[in-house]
Amino acid sequence: MPRSQNKVASHRRRKRILARAKGYWGARSKVLTIAKHHIDKGGQHAYRDRRLKKREFRTLWIARINAAARLHGTTYSKLIAALNKKEIGINRKVLADLASRSPEAFAEIVKFAGS
């Protein structure tokens, strides 16, 4: 009896892998085995970088808050400590946004936290 190969499934699998590799350079987008390896590696980077992205944004927000706080005669750590002491629940993302887009509102927050 001849060996049965499920051509439909294997063709669909190949097509799906090569579709995910679309846009890659050279053999990475054309050759199945190479495309498989690069898709796997790309998935690993995507998984890792979804977590790194959160860290990088938090670092950016802290740097922006610190720069704006120093314009008002305080530091980031003193400002955050004062906000926590006054039980003001404003997160770093919003504080950084206020510091860059609305310096007057940020100045009010600093003044309220300091007093």
Protein backbone atom coordinates (compact mmCIF):
# COMPACT_ATOMS: atom_id res chain seq x y z
CA MET A 1 0.00 0.00 0.00
CA PRO A 2 1.41 3.42 -0.94
CA ARG A 3 2.44 5.88 1.74
CA SER A 4 -0.14 8.55 2.41
CA GLN A 5 1.02 12.12 2.64
CA ASN A 6 -1.44 14.76 3.77
CA LYS A 7 -0.60 17.30 1.09
CA VAL A 8 -3.39 19.68 2.05
CA ALA A 9 -2.23 19.99 5.66
CA SER A 10 1.47 20.22 4.83
CA HIS A 11 0.85 22.85 2.14
CA ARG A 12 -1.30 24.86 4.52
CA ARG A 13 1.37 24.63 7.22
CA ARG A 14 4.10 25.75 4.79
CA LYS A 15 1.92 28.61 3.54
CA ARG A 16 1.20 29.79 7.10
CA ILE A 17 4.89 29.79 8.04
CA LEU A 18 5.95 31.63 4.88
CA ALA A 19 3.13 34.15 5.36
CA ARG A 20 4.48 34.96 8.84
CA ALA A 21 7.97 35.38 7.32
CA LYS A 22 6.73 37.84 4.71
CA GLY A 23 8.91 40.93 4.71
CA TYR A 24 12.01 39.11 5.92
CA TRP A 25 15.11 39.46 3.74
CA GLY A 26 16.37 36.79 1.34
CA ALA A 27 16.05 33.12 2.24
CA ARG A 28 14.42 34.04 5.54
CA SER A 29 11.20 34.66 3.65
CA LYS A 30 11.56 31.99 0.94
CA VAL A 31 13.04 28.79 2.40
CA LEU A 32 10.80 26.91 4.81
CA THR A 33 13.42 25.63 7.28
CA ILE A 34 15.20 28.99 7.50
CA ALA A 35 11.90 30.86 7.79
CA LYS A 36 10.85 28.55 10.64
CA HIS A 37 13.99 29.35 12.62
CA HIS A 38 13.64 33.10 12.12
CA ILE A 39 9.95 33.11 13.00
CA ASP A 40 10.73 31.25 16.23
CA LYS A 41 13.53 33.68 17.07
CA GLY A 42 11.31 36.64 16.23
CA GLY A 43 8.63 35.26 18.54
CA GLN A 44 11.18 34.96 21.35
CA HIS A 45 12.25 38.58 20.87
CA ALA A 46 8.62 39.74 20.77
CA TYR A 47 7.82 37.89 24.01
CA ARG A 48 10.88 39.33 25.78
CA ASP A 49 10.42 42.85 24.44
CA ARG A 50 6.77 43.10 25.49
CA ARG A 51 8.12 43.02 29.05
CA LEU A 52 11.15 45.24 28.35
CA LYS A 53 8.87 47.86 26.80
CA LYS A 54 7.13 48.37 30.14
CA ARG A 55 10.46 48.87 31.92
CA GLU A 56 11.74 51.28 29.28
CA PHE A 57 8.62 53.43 29.42
CA ARG A 58 8.73 53.59 33.21
CA THR A 59 12.38 54.71 33.00
CA LEU A 60 11.43 57.39 30.47
CA TRP A 61 8.56 58.66 32.65
CA ILE A 62 10.83 58.85 35.70
CA ALA A 63 13.45 60.81 33.74
CA ARG A 64 10.81 63.29 32.54
CA ILE A 65 9.32 63.72 36.01
CA ASN A 66 12.78 64.23 37.52
CA ALA A 67 13.68 66.88 34.92
CA ALA A 68 10.43 68.76 35.50
CA ALA A 69 10.69 68.44 39.29
CA ARG A 70 14.20 69.90 39.28
CA LEU A 71 12.84 72.98 37.48
CA HIS A 72 10.64 73.48 40.56
CA GLY A 73 13.44 73.05 43.09
CA THR A 74 12.88 69.44 44.12
CA THR A 75 13.92 65.97 42.96
CA TYR A 76 12.01 62.98 41.70
CA SER A 77 12.45 60.97 44.89
CA LYS A 78 11.38 63.85 47.15
CA LEU A 79 8.35 64.55 44.95
CA ILE A 80 7.20 60.91 44.92
CA ALA A 81 7.74 60.63 48.67
CA ALA A 82 5.68 63.79 49.26
CA LEU A 83 2.89 62.55 46.95
CA ASN A 84 2.80 59.21 48.81
CA LYS A 85 2.77 60.97 52.18
CA LYS A 86 -0.19 63.13 51.09
CA GLU A 87 -1.82 59.96 49.66
CA ILE A 88 -2.11 61.38 46.16
CA GLY A 89 -2.63 58.41 43.87
CA ILE A 90 -1.29 59.73 40.56
CA ASN A 91 0.83 57.39 38.49
CA ARG A 92 4.12 58.12 36.76
CA LYS A 93 2.65 57.97 33.27
CA VAL A 94 0.17 60.75 34.03
CA LEU A 95 2.76 62.79 35.94
CA ALA A 96 5.18 62.61 33.00
CA ASP A 97 2.41 63.59 30.60
CA LEU A 98 1.48 66.57 32.78
CA ALA A 99 5.14 67.59 33.05
CA SER A 100 5.56 67.72 29.28
CA ARG A 101 2.12 68.92 28.10
CA SER A 102 0.88 71.04 30.98
CA PRO A 103 3.71 72.50 33.05
CA GLU A 104 1.28 74.74 35.00
CA ALA A 105 -0.70 71.75 36.26
CA PHE A 106 2.54 69.94 37.15
CA ALA A 107 3.71 73.04 39.06
CA GLU A 108 0.46 73.00 41.05
CA ILE A 109 0.96 69.32 41.95
CA VAL A 110 4.54 70.02 43.07
CA LYS A 111 3.39 73.00 45.12
CA PHE A 112 0.58 71.02 46.75
CA ALA A 113 2.83 68.06 47.52
CA GLY A 114 5.51 70.35 48.99
CA SER A 115 3.20 72.33 51.26
